[in-house]
C-alpha atoms as a PDB file:
ATOM      1  CA  MET A   1    -113.511 -18.818  19.760  1.00  0.00           C
ATOM      2  CA  VAL A   2    -110.875 -16.769  21.538  1.00  0.00           C
ATOM      3  CA  ALA A   3    -108.080 -18.711  19.831  1.00  0.00           C
ATOM      4  CA  ASP A   4    -109.519 -17.940  16.381  1.00  0.00           C
ATOM      5  CA  ALA A   5    -109.858 -14.263  17.279  1.00  0.00           C
ATOM      6  CA  VAL A   6    -106.153 -14.159  18.173  1.00  0.00           C
ATOM      7  CA  VAL A   7    -104.879 -16.271  15.265  1.00  0.00           C
ATOM      8  CA  TYR A   8    -106.829 -14.367  12.618  1.00  0.00           C
ATOM      9  CA  HIS A   9    -106.308 -10.920  14.135  1.00  0.00           C
ATOM     10  CA  PRO A  10    -104.904  -8.401  11.598  1.00  0.00           C
ATOM     11  CA  THR A  11    -101.970  -7.653  13.903  1.00  0.00           C
ATOM     12  CA  VAL A  12    -100.871 -11.286  13.754  1.00  0.00           C
ATOM     13  CA  ALA A  13    -101.026 -11.205   9.946  1.00  0.00           C
ATOM     14  CA  HIS A  14     -99.014  -7.973   9.991  1.00  0.00           C
ATOM     15  CA  TYR A  15     -96.443  -9.513  12.331  1.00  0.00           C
ATOM     16  CA  LEU A  16     -96.027 -12.533  10.051  1.00  0.00           C
ATOM     17  CA  ARG A  17     -95.448 -10.264   7.047  1.00  0.00           C
ATOM     18  CA  PHE A  18     -92.895  -8.328   9.082  1.00  0.00           C
ATOM     19  CA  VAL A  19     -90.848 -11.326  10.258  1.00  0.00           C
ATOM     20  CA  ALA A  20     -91.042 -12.861   6.779  1.00  0.00           C
ATOM     21  CA  THR A  21     -88.661 -10.129   5.605  1.00  0.00           C
ATOM     22  CA  SER A  22     -84.941 -10.421   6.306  1.00  0.00           C
ATOM     23  CA  VAL A  23     -84.886  -6.668   7.058  1.00  0.00           C
ATOM     24  CA  GLY A  24     -87.573  -7.078   9.707  1.00  0.00           C
ATOM     25  CA  ARG A  25     -85.754  -9.920  11.465  1.00  0.00           C
ATOM     26  CA  ASP A  26     -82.452  -8.037  11.274  1.00  0.00           C
ATOM     27  CA  LYS A  27     -83.947  -4.892  12.831  1.00  0.00           C
ATOM     28  CA  VAL A  28     -85.373  -6.888  15.746  1.00  0.00           C
ATOM     29  CA  LEU A  29     -82.034  -8.599  16.369  1.00  0.00           C
ATOM     30  CA  ARG A  30     -80.135  -5.317  15.982  1.00  0.00           C
ATOM     31  CA  THR A  31     -82.392  -3.511  18.455  1.00  0.00           C
ATOM     32  CA  LEU A  32     -81.886  -6.267  21.023  1.00  0.00           C
ATOM     33  CA  GLN A  33     -78.127  -6.414  20.315  1.00  0.00           C
ATOM     34  CA  TYR A  34     -77.544  -2.718  20.956  1.00  0.00           C
ATOM     35  CA  PHE A  35     -79.935  -2.566  23.897  1.00  0.00           C
ATOM     36  CA  ALA A  36     -77.957  -5.448  25.410  1.00  0.00           C
ATOM     37  CA  ARG A  37     -74.774  -3.458  24.759  1.00  0.00           C
ATOM     38  CA  PHE A  38     -76.202  -0.489  26.626  1.00  0.00           C
ATOM     39  CA  TYR A  39     -77.743  -2.516  29.445  1.00  0.00           C
ATOM     40  CA  SER A  40     -74.628  -4.618  30.108  1.00  0.00           C
ATOM     41  CA  TRP A  41     -72.682  -1.340  30.363  1.00  0.00           C
ATOM     42  CA  TYR A  42     -75.325   0.038  32.752  1.00  0.00           C
ATOM     43  CA  LEU A  43     -75.179  -3.071  34.943  1.00  0.00           C
ATOM     44  CA  PHE A  44     -71.380  -2.909  35.025  1.00  0.00           C
ATOM     45  CA  ARG A  45     -71.430   0.774  35.995  1.00  0.00           C
ATOM     46  CA  THR A  46     -73.903   0.056  38.813  1.00  0.00           C
ATOM     47  CA  ASN A  47     -71.683  -2.742  40.180  1.00  0.00           C
ATOM     48  CA  ALA A  48     -74.075  -5.560  39.291  1.00  0.00           C
ATOM     49  CA  LEU A  49     -72.976  -9.151  39.756  1.00  0.00           C
ATOM     50  CA  THR A  50     -71.090 -10.799  36.897  1.00  0.00           C
ATOM     51  CA  LYS A  51     -73.760 -13.497  36.627  1.00  0.00           C
ATOM     52  CA  ASN A  52     -76.357 -10.772  35.944  1.00  0.00           C
ATOM     53  CA  ILE A  53     -74.226  -9.096  33.280  1.00  0.00           C
ATOM     54  CA  ALA A  54     -73.224 -12.307  31.485  1.00  0.00           C
ATOM     55  CA  PRO A  55     -76.600 -12.999  29.773  1.00  0.00           C
ATOM     56  CA  TRP A  56     -76.675  -9.500  28.245  1.00  0.00           C
ATOM     57  CA  GLU A  57     -73.070  -9.837  27.082  1.00  0.00           C
ATOM     58  CA  ALA A  58     -74.068 -13.134  25.465  1.00  0.00           C
ATOM     59  CA  VAL A  59     -77.011 -11.493  23.689  1.00  0.00           C
ATOM     60  CA  LYS A  60     -74.743  -8.718  22.412  1.00  0.00           C
ATOM     61  CA  LYS A  61     -72.089 -11.079  21.049  1.00  0.00           C
ATOM     62  CA  SER A  62     -74.306 -13.854  19.704  1.00  0.00           C
ATOM     63  CA  PHE A  63     -76.789 -11.542  17.980  1.00  0.00           C
ATOM     64  CA  SER A  64     -73.916  -9.628  16.391  1.00  0.00           C
ATOM     65  CA  LEU A  65     -72.552 -12.877  14.960  1.00  0.00           C
ATOM     66  CA  ILE A  66     -75.997 -14.008  13.760  1.00  0.00           C
ATOM     67  CA  ARG A  67     -76.524 -10.708  11.966  1.00  0.00           C
ATOM     68  CA  ARG A  68     -73.090 -10.966  10.331  1.00  0.00           C
ATOM     69  CA  GLY A  69     -74.090 -14.332   8.933  1.00  0.00           C
ATOM     70  CA  MET A  70     -77.369 -12.898   7.644  1.00  0.00           C
ATOM     71  CA  ARG A  71     -75.460 -10.136   5.823  1.00  0.00           C
ATOM     72  CA  VAL A  72     -73.194 -12.483   3.862  1.00  0.00           C
ATOM     73  CA  GLY A  73     -73.756 -11.867   0.135  1.00  0.00           C
ATOM     74  CA  LYS A  74     -75.559  -8.564   0.662  1.00  0.00           C
ATOM     75  CA  ASN A  75     -72.494  -6.692  -0.621  1.00  0.00           C
ATOM     76  CA  VAL A  76     -73.524  -7.584  -4.193  1.00  0.00           C
ATOM     77  CA  GLU A  77     -76.822  -5.728  -3.692  1.00  0.00           C
ATOM     78  CA  HIS A  78     -74.985  -2.518  -2.819  1.00  0.00           C
ATOM     79  CA  PHE A  79     -72.506  -2.753  -5.691  1.00  0.00           C
ATOM     80  CA  LYS A  80     -75.470  -3.186  -8.061  1.00  0.00           C
ATOM     81  CA  ALA A  81     -77.238  -0.192  -6.459  1.00  0.00           C
ATOM     82  CA  ALA A  82     -74.077   1.880  -7.032  1.00  0.00           C
ATOM     83  CA  ALA A  83     -74.099   0.900 -10.722  1.00  0.00           C
ATOM     84  CA  VAL A  84     -77.800   1.782 -11.025  1.00  0.00           C
ATOM     85  CA  ALA A  85     -77.166   5.182  -9.382  1.00  0.00           C
ATOM     86  CA  ALA A  86     -74.239   5.802 -11.765  1.00  0.00           C
ATOM     87  CA  ASP A  87     -76.571   5.180 -14.728  1.00  0.00           C
ATOM     88  CA  ALA A  88     -79.302   7.484 -13.354  1.00  0.00           C
ATOM     89  CA  LYS A  89     -78.296  10.522 -15.440  1.00  0.00           C
ATOM     90  CA  GLY A  90     -81.562  12.336 -14.713  1.00  0.00           C
ATOM     91  CA  MET A  91     -81.034  12.222 -10.960  1.00  0.00           C
ATOM     92  CA  ASP A  92     -80.003  15.313  -8.994  1.00  0.00           C
ATOM     93  CA  PRO A  93     -76.162  15.410  -9.251  1.00  0.00           C
ATOM     94  CA  VAL A  94     -75.565  15.824  -5.509  1.00  0.00           C
ATOM     95  CA  LEU A  95     -77.921  12.984  -4.572  1.00  0.00           C
ATOM     96  CA  ARG A  96     -76.540  10.838  -7.401  1.00  0.00           C
ATOM     97  CA  TYR A  97     -72.898  11.147  -6.355  1.00  0.00           C
ATOM     98  CA  CYS A  98     -73.827  10.671  -2.696  1.00  0.00           C
ATOM     99  CA  ALA A  99     -75.780   7.528  -3.632  1.00  0.00           C
ATOM    100  CA  ILE A 100     -72.854   6.129  -5.635  1.00  0.00           C
ATOM    101  CA  ALA A 101     -70.359   6.819  -2.834  1.00  0.00           C
ATOM    102  CA  ARG A 102     -72.724   5.465  -0.173  1.00  0.00           C
ATOM    103  CA  GLN A 103     -73.503   2.235  -2.008  1.00  0.00           C
ATOM    104  CA  LEU A 104     -69.850   1.586  -2.901  1.00  0.00           C
ATOM    105  CA  SER A 105     -68.840   2.203   0.722  1.00  0.00           C
ATOM    106  CA  TYR A 106     -71.546  -0.137   2.035  1.00  0.00           C
ATOM    107  CA  GLY A 107     -70.501  -2.760  -0.541  1.00  0.00           C
ATOM    108  CA  ILE A 108     -66.868  -2.566   0.591  1.00  0.00           C
ATOM    109  CA  TYR A 109     -67.952  -2.639   4.245  1.00  0.00           C
ATOM    110  CA  LEU A 110     -70.015  -5.796   3.768  1.00  0.00           C
ATOM    111  CA  THR A 111     -67.272  -7.453   1.710  1.00  0.00           C
ATOM    112  CA  LEU A 112     -64.751  -6.900   4.510  1.00  0.00           C
ATOM    113  CA  ASP A 113     -67.390  -7.975   7.033  1.00  0.00           C
ATOM    114  CA  ILE A 114     -67.499 -11.429   5.404  1.00  0.00           C
ATOM    115  CA  GLY A 115     -63.833 -11.887   6.313  1.00  0.00           C
ATOM    116  CA  VAL A 116     -64.578 -10.863   9.913  1.00  0.00           C
ATOM    117  CA  PHE A 117     -67.487 -13.342  10.038  1.00  0.00           C
ATOM    118  CA  LEU A 118     -65.375 -16.218   8.694  1.00  0.00           C
ATOM    119  CA  ASN A 119     -62.727 -15.480  11.326  1.00  0.00           C
ATOM    120  CA  GLN A 120     -65.202 -15.236  14.212  1.00  0.00           C
ATOM    121  CA  THR A 121     -66.889 -18.519  13.312  1.00  0.00           C
ATOM    122  CA  GLY A 122     -63.543 -20.291  12.896  1.00  0.00           C
ATOM    123  CA  ILE A 123     -64.357 -21.240   9.298  1.00  0.00           C
ATOM    124  CA  ARG A 124     -61.338 -19.319   8.016  1.00  0.00           C
ATOM    125  CA  PRO A 125     -59.235 -17.805  10.793  1.00  0.00           C
ATOM    126  CA  SER A 126     -57.227 -14.791   9.725  1.00  0.00           C
ATOM    127  CA  ALA A 127     -54.302 -12.994  11.294  1.00  0.00           C
ATOM    128  CA  ASN A 128     -55.621  -9.817   9.643  1.00  0.00           C
ATOM    129  CA  ALA A 129     -59.101 -10.026  11.207  1.00  0.00           C
ATOM    130  CA  GLN A 130     -58.564  -6.972  13.406  1.00  0.00           C
ATOM    131  CA  ARG A 131     -57.445  -4.911  10.429  1.00  0.00           C
ATOM    132  CA  LEU A 132     -60.402  -6.156   8.357  1.00  0.00           C
ATOM    133  CA  GLN A 133     -62.760  -5.073  11.145  1.00  0.00           C
ATOM    134  CA  LYS A 134     -61.140  -1.635  11.329  1.00  0.00           C
ATOM    135  CA  GLU A 135     -61.337  -1.063   7.573  1.00  0.00           C
ATOM    136  CA  ALA A 136     -64.930  -2.323   7.545  1.00  0.00           C
ATOM    137  CA  TYR A 137     -65.854   0.277  10.167  1.00  0.00           C
ATOM    138  CA  ARG A 138     -64.071   2.942   8.109  1.00  0.00           C
ATOM    139  CA  ALA A 139     -66.027   2.036   4.956  1.00  0.00           C
ATOM    140  CA  TRP A 140     -69.311   2.009   6.902  1.00  0.00           C
ATOM    141  CA  MET A 141     -68.506   5.420   8.390  1.00  0.00           C
ATOM    142  CA  ILE A 142     -67.824   6.894   4.933  1.00  0.00           C
ATOM    143  CA  GLY A 143     -71.116   5.496   3.631  1.00  0.00           C
ATOM    144  CA  LEU A 144     -73.012   6.984   6.570  1.00  0.00           C
ATOM    145  CA  ILE A 145     -71.360  10.387   6.053  1.00  0.00           C
ATOM    146  CA  PHE A 146     -72.461  10.467   2.417  1.00  0.00           C
ATOM    147  CA  ASN A 147     -75.969   9.384   3.396  1.00  0.00           C
ATOM    148  CA  ALA A 148     -76.088  12.162   6.008  1.00  0.00           C
ATOM    149  CA  ILE A 149     -74.934  14.707   3.406  1.00  0.00           C
ATOM    150  CA  ALA A 150     -77.726  13.512   1.114  1.00  0.00           C
ATOM    151  CA  GLY A 151     -80.160  13.840   4.026  1.00  0.00           C
ATOM    152  CA  PHE A 152     -79.205  17.442   4.807  1.00  0.00           C
ATOM    153  CA  TYR A 153     -79.331  18.287   1.095  1.00  0.00           C
ATOM    154  CA  SER A 154     -82.789  16.699   0.715  1.00  0.00           C
ATOM    155  CA  LEU A 155     -84.119  18.729   3.657  1.00  0.00           C
ATOM    156  CA  TRP A 156     -82.715  21.908   2.077  1.00  0.00           C
ATOM    157  CA  GLN A 157     -84.414  21.017  -1.231  1.00  0.00           C
ATOM    158  CA  LEU A 158     -87.729  20.416   0.527  1.00  0.00           C
ATOM    159  CA  LYS A 159     -87.464  23.807   2.227  1.00  0.00           C
ATOM    160  CA  GLN A 160     -86.849  25.483  -1.157  1.00  0.00           C
ATOM    161  CA  ARG A 161     -89.859  23.731  -2.692  1.00  0.00           C
ATOM    162  CA  GLU A 162     -92.070  24.636   0.254  1.00  0.00           C
ATOM    163  CA  GLU A 163     -91.282  28.355  -0.103  1.00  0.00           C
ATOM    164  CA  LYS A 164     -92.682  28.278  -3.651  1.00  0.00           C
ATOM    165  CA  ILE A 165     -96.021  26.742  -2.638  1.00  0.00           C
ATOM    166  CA  ASN A 166     -99.157  28.823  -2.203  1.00  0.00           C
ATOM    167  CA  LYS A 167    -100.812  27.067   0.722  1.00  0.00           C
ATOM    168  CA  LYS A 168    -103.988  29.083   0.278  1.00  0.00           C
ATOM    169  CA  GLU A 169    -104.869  27.110  -2.847  1.00  0.00           C
ATOM    170  CA  GLY A 170    -106.173  23.538  -2.882  1.00  0.00           C
ATOM    171  CA  GLU A 171    -103.275  22.118  -4.855  1.00  0.00           C
ATOM    172  CA  GLY A 172    -100.842  23.971  -2.620  1.00  0.00           C
ATOM    173  CA  VAL A 173    -102.377  22.413   0.499  1.00  0.00           C
ATOM    174  CA  VAL A 174    -102.072  18.920  -0.990  1.00  0.00           C
ATOM    175  CA  GLU A 175     -98.482  19.557  -2.085  1.00  0.00           C
ATOM    176  CA  GLY A 176     -97.671  20.982   1.362  1.00  0.00           C
ATOM    177  CA  LYS A 177     -98.880  17.793   3.078  1.00  0.00           C
ATOM    178  CA  LYS A 178     -96.853  15.697   0.638  1.00  0.00           C
ATOM    179  CA  LEU A 179     -93.718  17.724   1.403  1.00  0.00           C
ATOM    180  CA  GLU A 180     -94.373  17.356   5.130  1.00  0.00           C
ATOM    181  CA  ARG A 181     -94.422  13.559   4.780  1.00  0.00           C
ATOM    182  CA  GLU A 182     -91.217  13.649   2.743  1.00  0.00           C
ATOM    183  CA  ARG A 183     -89.588  15.901   5.334  1.00  0.00           C
ATOM    184  CA  THR A 184     -90.531  13.561   8.177  1.00  0.00           C
ATOM    185  CA  THR A 185     -89.086  10.579   6.295  1.00  0.00           C
ATOM    186  CA  ALA A 186     -85.854  12.484   5.558  1.00  0.00           C
ATOM    187  CA  GLN A 187     -85.539  13.652   9.175  1.00  0.00           C
ATOM    188  CA  VAL A 188     -86.019  10.137  10.562  1.00  0.00           C
ATOM    189  CA  GLN A 189     -83.429   8.727   8.136  1.00  0.00           C
ATOM    190  CA  LEU A 190     -80.970  11.493   8.993  1.00  0.00           C
ATOM    191  CA  THR A 191     -81.447  10.907  12.724  1.00  0.00           C
ATOM    192  CA  SER A 192     -80.840   7.197  12.174  1.00  0.00           C
ATOM    193  CA  ASP A 193     -77.664   7.877  10.155  1.00  0.00           C
ATOM    194  CA  LEU A 194     -76.264  10.261  12.768  1.00  0.00           C
ATOM    195  CA  CYS A 195     -76.954   7.738  15.539  1.00  0.00           C
ATOM    196  CA  ASP A 196     -75.314   4.967  13.509  1.00  0.00           C
ATOM    197  CA  LEU A 197     -72.321   7.210  12.865  1.00  0.00           C
ATOM    198  CA  VAL A 198     -71.522   7.092  16.583  1.00  0.00           C
ATOM    199  CA  ILE A 199     -70.694   3.360  16.297  1.00  0.00           C
ATOM    200  CA  PRO A 200     -67.819   3.410  13.753  1.00  0.00           C
ATOM    201  CA  VAL A 201     -66.537   6.751  15.058  1.00  0.00           C
ATOM    202  CA  ALA A 202     -66.190   5.180  18.522  1.00  0.00           C
ATOM    203  CA  ALA A 203     -64.758   1.915  17.148  1.00  0.00           C
ATOM    204  CA  LEU A 204     -62.082   3.826  15.219  1.00  0.00           C
ATOM    205  CA  ASN A 205     -61.290   5.936  18.319  1.00  0.00           C
ATOM    206  CA  PHE A 206     -61.989   9.238  16.556  1.00  0.00           C
ATOM    207  CA  ILE A 207     -64.201  10.218  19.507  1.00  0.00           C
ATOM    208  CA  ASN A 208     -64.070   8.406  22.835  1.00  0.00           C
ATOM    209  CA  PHE A 209     -67.755   7.495  23.242  1.00  0.00           C
ATOM    210  CA  ASP A 210     -68.338   4.973  26.024  1.00  0.00           C
ATOM    211  CA  GLU A 211     -70.307   1.733  25.588  1.00  0.00           C
ATOM    212  CA  GLY A 212     -73.437   3.318  27.046  1.00  0.00           C
ATOM    213  CA  ILE A 213     -73.613   6.051  24.396  1.00  0.00           C
ATOM    214  CA  VAL A 214     -72.793   3.589  21.603  1.00  0.00           C
ATOM    215  CA  GLY A 215     -75.464   1.202  22.879  1.00  0.00           C
ATOM    216  CA  LEU A 216     -78.109   3.929  23.114  1.00  0.00           C
ATOM    217  CA  ALA A 217     -77.238   5.305  19.669  1.00  0.00           C
ATOM    218  CA  GLY A 218     -77.441   1.842  18.123  1.00  0.00           C
ATOM    219  CA  THR A 219     -80.703   1.069  19.900  1.00  0.00           C
ATOM    220  CA  THR A 220     -82.241   4.329  18.664  1.00  0.00           C
ATOM    221  CA  SER A 221     -81.252   3.851  15.015  1.00  0.00           C
ATOM    222  CA  SER A 222     -82.298   0.183  15.136  1.00  0.00           C
ATOM    223  CA  PHE A 223     -85.711   0.996  16.599  1.00  0.00           C
ATOM    224  CA  LEU A 224     -86.296   3.713  13.983  1.00  0.00           C
ATOM    225  CA  GLY A 225     -85.461   1.166  11.284  1.00  0.00           C
ATOM    226  CA  LEU A 226     -87.735  -1.392  12.925  1.00  0.00           C
ATOM    227  CA  LEU A 227     -90.661   1.055  12.950  1.00  0.00           C
ATOM    228  CA  ALA A 228     -90.052   1.967   9.296  1.00  0.00           C
ATOM    229  CA  GLN A 229     -90.065  -1.691   8.265  1.00  0.00           C
ATOM    230  CA  TRP A 230     -93.174  -2.356  10.385  1.00  0.00           C
ATOM    231  CA  ARG A 231     -95.033   0.438   8.574  1.00  0.00           C
ATOM    232  CA  LYS A 232     -93.765  -0.794   5.206  1.00  0.00           C
ATOM    233  CA  THR A 233     -95.240  -4.251   5.793  1.00  0.00           C
ATOM    234  CA  ALA A 234     -98.620  -2.921   7.004  1.00  0.00           C
END
């Protein structure tokens, strides 16, 4: 039957594995949130009617709040990751210190984000909510900077390793393909980090990016993360 062919199709099974992960659901919501941010800006700039802009503004705000709720408690994961990185004595020193700084920054960011969430939902209103949001953006920005440094450093390491490979030999060919995959992964992650960096930089008024650029940057990084998670659950 046609229904059976659809229900038992491998793509459906893959989709169910994808949405079963909190990361997968978050990436879908984040992609829609930042696309809505871009598109509502676009509609406003093209003098669209308020009633046409309102649904996209609602998507942007409501999905942001939903994702904040989903992140509650995730700060512990990053503090633990920072401790694990600190204990990894055999790890490359540059990558190790970048990992520690990144994870601590993300942990602080998500801890402050809980306060913002409690204020937005009205569970625990705070007069310092605006300051909490600002400091959360600052911590996220610092984490992204360290992750970007680690990304550039990893690409430099891969280039150094590639120069030592003899691609005329069988083992060299295999190693070259492995390095190419690692390079692609590092480049995608770095692109995602640089796109994400636009968001806190704009929020903190370090660079005056408009809502359109912020929305496009967030959509790009979110979609890259979505694709990565989709492949991971294949």
